[in-house]
Amino acid sequence: MFQQITKGIKISVHTKYNGTNYRNNRMYYMFNYFISIENKSSETVKLTDRFWKIYDSLNQTEIVSGEGVVGQTPVLKPNDNYTYSSGCFLESNIGAMKGFYTMINMDTYEQFKVIIPTFQLSTPTLSN
């Protein structure tokens, strides 16, 4: 598990390899990631946007950004926890992701970034 705390917001990430899939006659490695966002601060915050850099060892870096996560812009009061899962496709069996969430302090309307730690995406190691 990968974890990072920024301004009292704790991000925890767990990954899972989900096999291969063919799209447009190309094979891709499928990965799921599970994210937990825990508000350890004393302020109420709202997640408004996400920004991802997805690294594939055989491909260029892909940038993904947009409003919210999985169609939601959750509000987290102190001690609240929000979890979600999503996934990505890589052309190789090794990659990584990192990024940040843009959040707003609902009391002061201050906008700030919460770092998503770099996490690895890799297939299980084969052994003889």
N, C-alpha and C. Protein backbone atom coordinates (compact mmCIF):
# COMPACT_ATOMS: atom_id res chain seq x y z
N MET A 1 0.84 -1.18 0.00
CA MET A 1 0.00 0.00 0.00
C MET A 1 0.89 1.24 0.00
N PHE A 2 0.46 2.24 -0.73
CA PHE A 2 1.19 3.51 -0.83
C PHE A 2 0.35 4.57 -0.13
N GLN A 3 1.02 5.45 0.66
CA GLN A 3 0.29 6.47 1.41
C GLN A 3 1.02 7.80 1.36
N GLN A 4 0.24 8.88 1.47
CA GLN A 4 0.78 10.24 1.49
C GLN A 4 -0.22 11.12 2.23
N ILE A 5 0.28 12.05 3.06
CA ILE A 5 -0.58 13.02 3.74
C ILE A 5 -0.18 14.42 3.29
N THR A 6 -1.16 15.18 2.82
CA THR A 6 -0.96 16.58 2.43
C THR A 6 -2.02 17.42 3.12
N LYS A 7 -1.61 18.40 3.90
CA LYS A 7 -2.54 19.30 4.60
C LYS A 7 -3.62 18.54 5.36
N GLY A 8 -3.25 17.42 5.97
CA GLY A 8 -4.18 16.65 6.77
C GLY A 8 -5.07 15.70 5.98
N ILE A 9 -4.87 15.61 4.67
CA ILE A 9 -5.65 14.69 3.84
C ILE A 9 -4.76 13.50 3.50
N LYS A 10 -5.17 12.31 3.97
CA LYS A 10 -4.38 11.10 3.77
C LYS A 10 -4.90 10.33 2.57
N ILE A 11 -4.01 10.06 1.63
CA ILE A 11 -4.33 9.27 0.44
C ILE A 11 -3.65 7.91 0.58
N SER A 12 -4.41 6.84 0.45
CA SER A 12 -3.89 5.47 0.48
C SER A 12 -4.28 4.79 -0.82
N VAL A 13 -3.31 4.08 -1.42
CA VAL A 13 -3.54 3.43 -2.71
C VAL A 13 -3.14 1.96 -2.63
N HIS A 14 -4.00 1.11 -3.15
CA HIS A 14 -3.73 -0.33 -3.28
C HIS A 14 -4.00 -0.68 -4.74
N THR A 15 -3.16 -1.52 -5.35
CA THR A 15 -3.32 -1.87 -6.75
C THR A 15 -3.56 -3.36 -6.93
N LYS A 16 -4.11 -3.71 -8.09
CA LYS A 16 -4.37 -5.11 -8.41
C LYS A 16 -4.22 -5.31 -9.92
N TYR A 17 -3.49 -6.34 -10.29
CA TYR A 17 -3.36 -6.73 -11.70
C TYR A 17 -4.60 -7.54 -12.07
N ASN A 18 -5.19 -7.23 -13.21
CA ASN A 18 -6.46 -7.86 -13.60
C ASN A 18 -6.37 -8.64 -14.91
N GLY A 19 -5.18 -9.04 -15.34
CA GLY A 19 -5.06 -9.84 -16.56
C GLY A 19 -4.90 -9.00 -17.81
N THR A 20 -5.09 -9.64 -18.95
CA THR A 20 -4.93 -8.95 -20.23
C THR A 20 -6.27 -8.85 -20.94
N ASN A 21 -6.32 -7.92 -21.88
CA ASN A 21 -7.53 -7.71 -22.67
C ASN A 21 -7.10 -7.19 -24.03
N TYR A 22 -7.86 -7.52 -25.05
CA TYR A 22 -7.57 -7.03 -26.40
C TYR A 22 -8.54 -5.92 -26.75
N ARG A 23 -7.97 -4.81 -27.22
CA ARG A 23 -8.74 -3.68 -27.73
C ARG A 23 -8.11 -3.27 -29.05
N ASN A 24 -8.91 -3.14 -30.08
CA ASN A 24 -8.41 -2.74 -31.40
C ASN A 24 -7.23 -3.61 -31.83
N ASN A 25 -7.38 -4.93 -31.65
CA ASN A 25 -6.36 -5.92 -32.04
C ASN A 25 -5.02 -5.72 -31.34
N ARG A 26 -5.00 -5.09 -30.18
CA ARG A 26 -3.77 -4.93 -29.39
C ARG A 26 -4.03 -5.47 -27.99
N MET A 27 -2.98 -6.10 -27.45
CA MET A 27 -3.12 -6.64 -26.10
C MET A 27 -2.72 -5.57 -25.09
N TYR A 28 -3.51 -5.45 -24.03
CA TYR A 28 -3.25 -4.51 -22.95
C TYR A 28 -3.25 -5.25 -21.62
N TYR A 29 -2.45 -4.76 -20.69
CA TYR A 29 -2.45 -5.25 -19.32
C TYR A 29 -3.40 -4.36 -18.52
N MET A 30 -4.31 -4.98 -17.79
CA MET A 30 -5.32 -4.24 -17.05
C MET A 30 -4.96 -4.18 -15.57
N PHE A 31 -5.07 -2.99 -15.02
CA PHE A 31 -4.79 -2.78 -13.59
C PHE A 31 -5.93 -2.01 -12.96
N ASN A 32 -6.27 -2.39 -11.74
CA ASN A 32 -7.21 -1.63 -10.93
C ASN A 32 -6.44 -0.96 -9.80
N TYR A 33 -6.92 0.21 -9.39
CA TYR A 33 -6.36 0.86 -8.22
C TYR A 33 -7.52 1.28 -7.31
N PHE A 34 -7.28 1.13 -6.03
CA PHE A 34 -8.28 1.40 -5.01
C PHE A 34 -7.74 2.54 -4.15
N ILE A 35 -8.50 3.61 -4.04
CA ILE A 35 -8.03 4.80 -3.35
C ILE A 35 -8.93 5.11 -2.16
N SER A 36 -8.29 5.42 -1.04
CA SER A 36 -8.98 5.87 0.15
C SER A 36 -8.50 7.29 0.46
N ILE A 37 -9.45 8.20 0.64
CA ILE A 37 -9.15 9.59 0.98
C ILE A 37 -9.71 9.83 2.37
N GLU A 38 -8.83 10.11 3.31
CA GLU A 38 -9.24 10.29 4.71
C GLU A 38 -8.92 11.71 5.15
N ASN A 39 -9.94 12.40 5.66
CA ASN A 39 -9.75 13.77 6.12
C ASN A 39 -9.33 13.75 7.60
N LYS A 40 -8.02 13.92 7.84
CA LYS A 40 -7.50 13.94 9.20
C LYS A 40 -7.35 15.39 9.71
N SER A 41 -7.83 16.35 8.92
CA SER A 41 -7.74 17.75 9.33
C SER A 41 -8.98 18.13 10.14
N SER A 42 -9.02 19.36 10.60
CA SER A 42 -10.19 19.85 11.34
C SER A 42 -11.12 20.68 10.45
N GLU A 43 -10.87 20.67 9.14
CA GLU A 43 -11.65 21.45 8.18
C GLU A 43 -12.49 20.53 7.29
N THR A 44 -13.60 21.03 6.80
CA THR A 44 -14.38 20.32 5.79
C THR A 44 -13.82 20.68 4.43
N VAL A 45 -13.59 19.64 3.59
CA VAL A 45 -12.99 19.86 2.27
C VAL A 45 -13.84 19.19 1.19
N LYS A 46 -13.69 19.69 -0.03
CA LYS A 46 -14.38 19.12 -1.18
C LYS A 46 -13.37 18.82 -2.27
N LEU A 47 -13.41 17.62 -2.81
CA LEU A 47 -12.55 17.25 -3.93
C LEU A 47 -13.23 17.75 -5.21
N THR A 48 -12.52 18.59 -5.97
CA THR A 48 -13.13 19.16 -7.17
C THR A 48 -12.57 18.59 -8.47
N ASP A 49 -11.26 18.29 -8.48
CA ASP A 49 -10.62 17.85 -9.73
C ASP A 49 -9.54 16.82 -9.44
N ARG A 50 -9.15 16.10 -10.50
CA ARG A 50 -8.06 15.13 -10.41
C ARG A 50 -7.09 15.38 -11.56
N PHE A 51 -5.83 14.98 -11.33
CA PHE A 51 -4.79 15.07 -12.36
C PHE A 51 -3.90 13.85 -12.20
N TRP A 52 -3.75 13.08 -13.27
CA TRP A 52 -2.95 11.86 -13.26
C TRP A 52 -1.87 11.91 -14.33
N LYS A 53 -0.70 11.36 -14.01
CA LYS A 53 0.32 11.02 -14.99
C LYS A 53 0.44 9.51 -14.94
N ILE A 54 0.20 8.87 -16.08
CA ILE A 54 0.26 7.41 -16.17
C ILE A 54 1.47 7.06 -17.03
N TYR A 55 2.42 6.36 -16.43
CA TYR A 55 3.65 5.96 -17.10
C TYR A 55 3.54 4.50 -17.53
N ASP A 56 3.90 4.24 -18.79
CA ASP A 56 3.91 2.88 -19.34
C ASP A 56 5.32 2.67 -19.86
N SER A 57 5.98 1.59 -19.44
CA SER A 57 7.38 1.40 -19.81
C SER A 57 7.58 1.24 -21.32
N LEU A 58 6.53 0.96 -22.07
CA LEU A 58 6.65 0.84 -23.53
C LEU A 58 5.94 1.96 -24.27
N ASN A 59 5.48 2.94 -23.57
CA ASN A 59 4.67 3.97 -24.21
C ASN A 59 4.98 5.33 -23.60
N GLN A 60 4.48 6.36 -24.22
CA GLN A 60 4.66 7.69 -23.67
C GLN A 60 3.76 7.87 -22.44
N THR A 61 4.05 8.92 -21.68
CA THR A 61 3.25 9.25 -20.51
C THR A 61 1.88 9.77 -20.95
N GLU A 62 0.84 9.28 -20.29
CA GLU A 62 -0.51 9.74 -20.57
C GLU A 62 -0.96 10.65 -19.44
N ILE A 63 -1.57 11.77 -19.79
CA ILE A 63 -2.10 12.72 -18.81
C ILE A 63 -3.62 12.59 -18.81
N VAL A 64 -4.19 12.45 -17.62
CA VAL A 64 -5.64 12.37 -17.46
C VAL A 64 -6.04 13.40 -16.41
N SER A 65 -6.97 14.26 -16.76
CA SER A 65 -7.44 15.24 -15.78
C SER A 65 -8.93 15.48 -16.00
N GLY A 66 -9.57 16.00 -14.97
CA GLY A 66 -10.99 16.29 -15.11
C GLY A 66 -11.63 16.55 -13.77
N GLU A 67 -12.93 16.77 -13.83
CA GLU A 67 -13.69 17.08 -12.63
C GLU A 67 -13.93 15.83 -11.80
N GLY A 68 -13.71 15.94 -10.49
CA GLY A 68 -14.04 14.89 -9.54
C GLY A 68 -13.35 13.57 -9.79
N VAL A 69 -13.88 12.53 -9.17
CA VAL A 69 -13.41 11.16 -9.33
C VAL A 69 -14.63 10.27 -9.52
N VAL A 70 -14.56 9.36 -10.47
CA VAL A 70 -15.66 8.45 -10.81
C VAL A 70 -17.03 9.14 -10.79
N GLY A 71 -17.08 10.35 -11.38
CA GLY A 71 -18.33 11.07 -11.50
C GLY A 71 -18.81 11.78 -10.24
N GLN A 72 -17.96 11.83 -9.22
CA GLN A 72 -18.38 12.47 -7.96
C GLN A 72 -17.38 13.52 -7.51
N THR A 73 -17.87 14.49 -6.76
CA THR A 73 -17.03 15.51 -6.11
C THR A 73 -17.34 15.46 -4.62
N PRO A 74 -16.75 14.49 -3.93
CA PRO A 74 -17.12 14.25 -2.52
C PRO A 74 -16.71 15.38 -1.58
N VAL A 75 -17.55 15.60 -0.56
CA VAL A 75 -17.25 16.52 0.53
C VAL A 75 -16.89 15.66 1.74
N LEU A 76 -15.75 15.97 2.35
CA LEU A 76 -15.29 15.19 3.50
C LEU A 76 -15.19 16.09 4.72
N LYS A 77 -16.00 15.79 5.72
CA LYS A 77 -15.90 16.48 7.01
C LYS A 77 -14.72 15.89 7.76
N PRO A 78 -14.28 16.51 8.84
CA PRO A 78 -13.20 15.94 9.64
C PRO A 78 -13.49 14.48 10.00
N ASN A 79 -12.51 13.63 9.84
CA ASN A 79 -12.55 12.19 10.11
C ASN A 79 -13.37 11.38 9.11
N ASP A 80 -13.91 12.02 8.06
CA ASP A 80 -14.60 11.27 7.02
C ASP A 80 -13.60 10.53 6.15
N ASN A 81 -14.08 9.47 5.52
CA ASN A 81 -13.27 8.65 4.63
C ASN A 81 -14.08 8.40 3.36
N TYR A 82 -13.46 8.58 2.21
CA TYR A 82 -14.11 8.32 0.92
C TYR A 82 -13.24 7.34 0.15
N THR A 83 -13.84 6.28 -0.37
CA THR A 83 -13.08 5.29 -1.14
C THR A 83 -13.70 5.11 -2.51
N TYR A 84 -12.85 4.80 -3.48
CA TYR A 84 -13.34 4.49 -4.82
C TYR A 84 -12.30 3.63 -5.52
N SER A 85 -12.70 3.04 -6.63
CA SER A 85 -11.75 2.27 -7.43
C SER A 85 -11.92 2.66 -8.89
N SER A 86 -10.84 2.49 -9.62
CA SER A 86 -10.84 2.75 -11.05
C SER A 86 -9.76 1.87 -11.67
N GLY A 87 -9.43 2.11 -12.91
CA GLY A 87 -8.44 1.26 -13.54
C GLY A 87 -7.78 1.92 -14.73
N CYS A 88 -6.77 1.23 -15.26
CA CYS A 88 -6.10 1.71 -16.46
C CYS A 88 -5.56 0.53 -17.25
N PHE A 89 -5.27 0.80 -18.52
CA PHE A 89 -4.72 -0.19 -19.44
C PHE A 89 -3.31 0.25 -19.81
N LEU A 90 -2.36 -0.67 -19.75
CA LEU A 90 -0.98 -0.40 -20.17
C LEU A 90 -0.61 -1.33 -21.31
N GLU A 91 0.27 -0.87 -22.18
CA GLU A 91 0.78 -1.73 -23.26
C GLU A 91 1.86 -2.67 -22.74
N SER A 92 2.49 -2.31 -21.64
CA SER A 92 3.52 -3.16 -21.05
C SER A 92 3.04 -3.68 -19.70
N ASN A 93 3.81 -4.61 -19.13
CA ASN A 93 3.41 -5.16 -17.84
C ASN A 93 4.01 -4.40 -16.66
N ILE A 94 4.64 -3.26 -16.94
CA ILE A 94 5.21 -2.44 -15.87
C ILE A 94 4.88 -0.97 -16.14
N GLY A 95 4.41 -0.30 -15.12
CA GLY A 95 4.11 1.12 -15.23
C GLY A 95 3.96 1.73 -13.85
N ALA A 96 3.51 2.97 -13.84
CA ALA A 96 3.32 3.69 -12.58
C ALA A 96 2.32 4.82 -12.81
N MET A 97 1.76 5.28 -11.72
CA MET A 97 0.86 6.43 -11.76
C MET A 97 1.19 7.36 -10.60
N LYS A 98 0.95 8.64 -10.81
CA LYS A 98 1.03 9.63 -9.74
C LYS A 98 0.17 10.80 -10.13
N GLY A 99 -0.10 11.68 -9.19
CA GLY A 99 -0.92 12.83 -9.52
C GLY A 99 -1.29 13.64 -8.30
N PHE A 100 -2.41 14.35 -8.43
CA PHE A 100 -2.91 15.14 -7.30
C PHE A 100 -4.40 15.38 -7.47
N TYR A 101 -5.04 15.67 -6.34
CA TYR A 101 -6.43 16.12 -6.32
C TYR A 101 -6.42 17.60 -5.99
N THR A 102 -7.30 18.35 -6.63
CA THR A 102 -7.53 19.73 -6.24
C THR A 102 -8.72 19.71 -5.29
N MET A 103 -8.52 20.35 -4.12
CA MET A 103 -9.57 20.39 -3.11
C MET A 103 -9.82 21.84 -2.71
N ILE A 104 -10.98 22.04 -2.13
CA ILE A 104 -11.36 23.36 -1.62
C ILE A 104 -11.71 23.22 -0.15
N ASN A 105 -11.14 24.09 0.68
CA ASN A 105 -11.53 24.19 2.08
C ASN A 105 -12.91 24.87 2.08
N MET A 106 -13.93 24.19 2.57
CA MET A 106 -15.30 24.70 2.50
C MET A 106 -15.58 25.85 3.45
N ASP A 107 -14.65 26.11 4.40
CA ASP A 107 -14.82 27.24 5.31
C ASP A 107 -14.19 28.50 4.74
N THR A 108 -12.99 28.37 4.17
CA THR A 108 -12.25 29.54 3.68
C THR A 108 -12.28 29.67 2.15
N TYR A 109 -12.74 28.64 1.46
CA TYR A 109 -12.75 28.54 -0.01
C TYR A 109 -11.36 28.59 -0.61
N GLU A 110 -10.36 28.29 0.23
CA GLU A 110 -8.99 28.17 -0.26
C GLU A 110 -8.87 26.87 -1.05
N GLN A 111 -8.27 26.99 -2.24
CA GLN A 111 -8.03 25.82 -3.08
C GLN A 111 -6.63 25.30 -2.78
N PHE A 112 -6.45 23.98 -2.74
CA PHE A 112 -5.12 23.41 -2.50
C PHE A 112 -5.01 22.05 -3.18
N LYS A 113 -3.78 21.62 -3.38
CA LYS A 113 -3.52 20.34 -4.04
C LYS A 113 -3.14 19.29 -2.99
N VAL A 114 -3.66 18.08 -3.18
CA VAL A 114 -3.34 16.95 -2.34
C VAL A 114 -2.60 15.93 -3.21
N ILE A 115 -1.39 15.61 -2.82
CA ILE A 115 -0.53 14.73 -3.60
C ILE A 115 -1.03 13.28 -3.53
N ILE A 116 -1.10 12.64 -4.70
CA ILE A 116 -1.34 11.20 -4.78
C ILE A 116 0.04 10.58 -4.96
N PRO A 117 0.47 9.73 -4.05
CA PRO A 117 1.83 9.19 -4.14
C PRO A 117 2.01 8.33 -5.40
N THR A 118 3.24 8.31 -5.90
CA THR A 118 3.55 7.44 -7.03
C THR A 118 3.35 5.99 -6.61
N PHE A 119 2.63 5.25 -7.43
CA PHE A 119 2.46 3.83 -7.15
C PHE A 119 2.74 3.02 -8.40
N GLN A 120 3.26 1.82 -8.16
CA GLN A 120 3.68 0.94 -9.24
C GLN A 120 2.52 0.08 -9.74
N LEU A 121 2.56 -0.20 -11.03
CA LEU A 121 1.63 -1.13 -11.66
C LEU A 121 2.48 -2.20 -12.32
N SER A 122 2.39 -3.43 -11.85
CA SER A 122 3.19 -4.49 -12.46
C SER A 122 2.49 -5.83 -12.30
N THR A 123 2.76 -6.70 -13.25
CA THR A 123 2.19 -8.04 -13.22
C THR A 123 2.94 -8.86 -12.18
N PRO A 124 2.32 -9.91 -11.66
CA PRO A 124 3.03 -10.78 -10.71
C PRO A 124 4.27 -11.40 -11.34
N THR A 125 5.30 -11.59 -10.56
CA THR A 125 6.54 -12.17 -11.03
C THR A 125 6.37 -13.67 -11.23
N LEU A 126 6.86 -14.14 -12.36
CA LEU A 126 6.82 -15.59 -12.61
C LEU A 126 8.09 -16.21 -12.07
N SER A 127 7.97 -17.38 -11.47
CA SER A 127 9.17 -18.06 -10.96
C SER A 127 9.12 -19.54 -11.37
N ASN A 128 10.29 -20.13 -11.49
CA ASN A 128 10.38 -21.56 -11.86
C ASN A 128 10.29 -22.44 -10.65
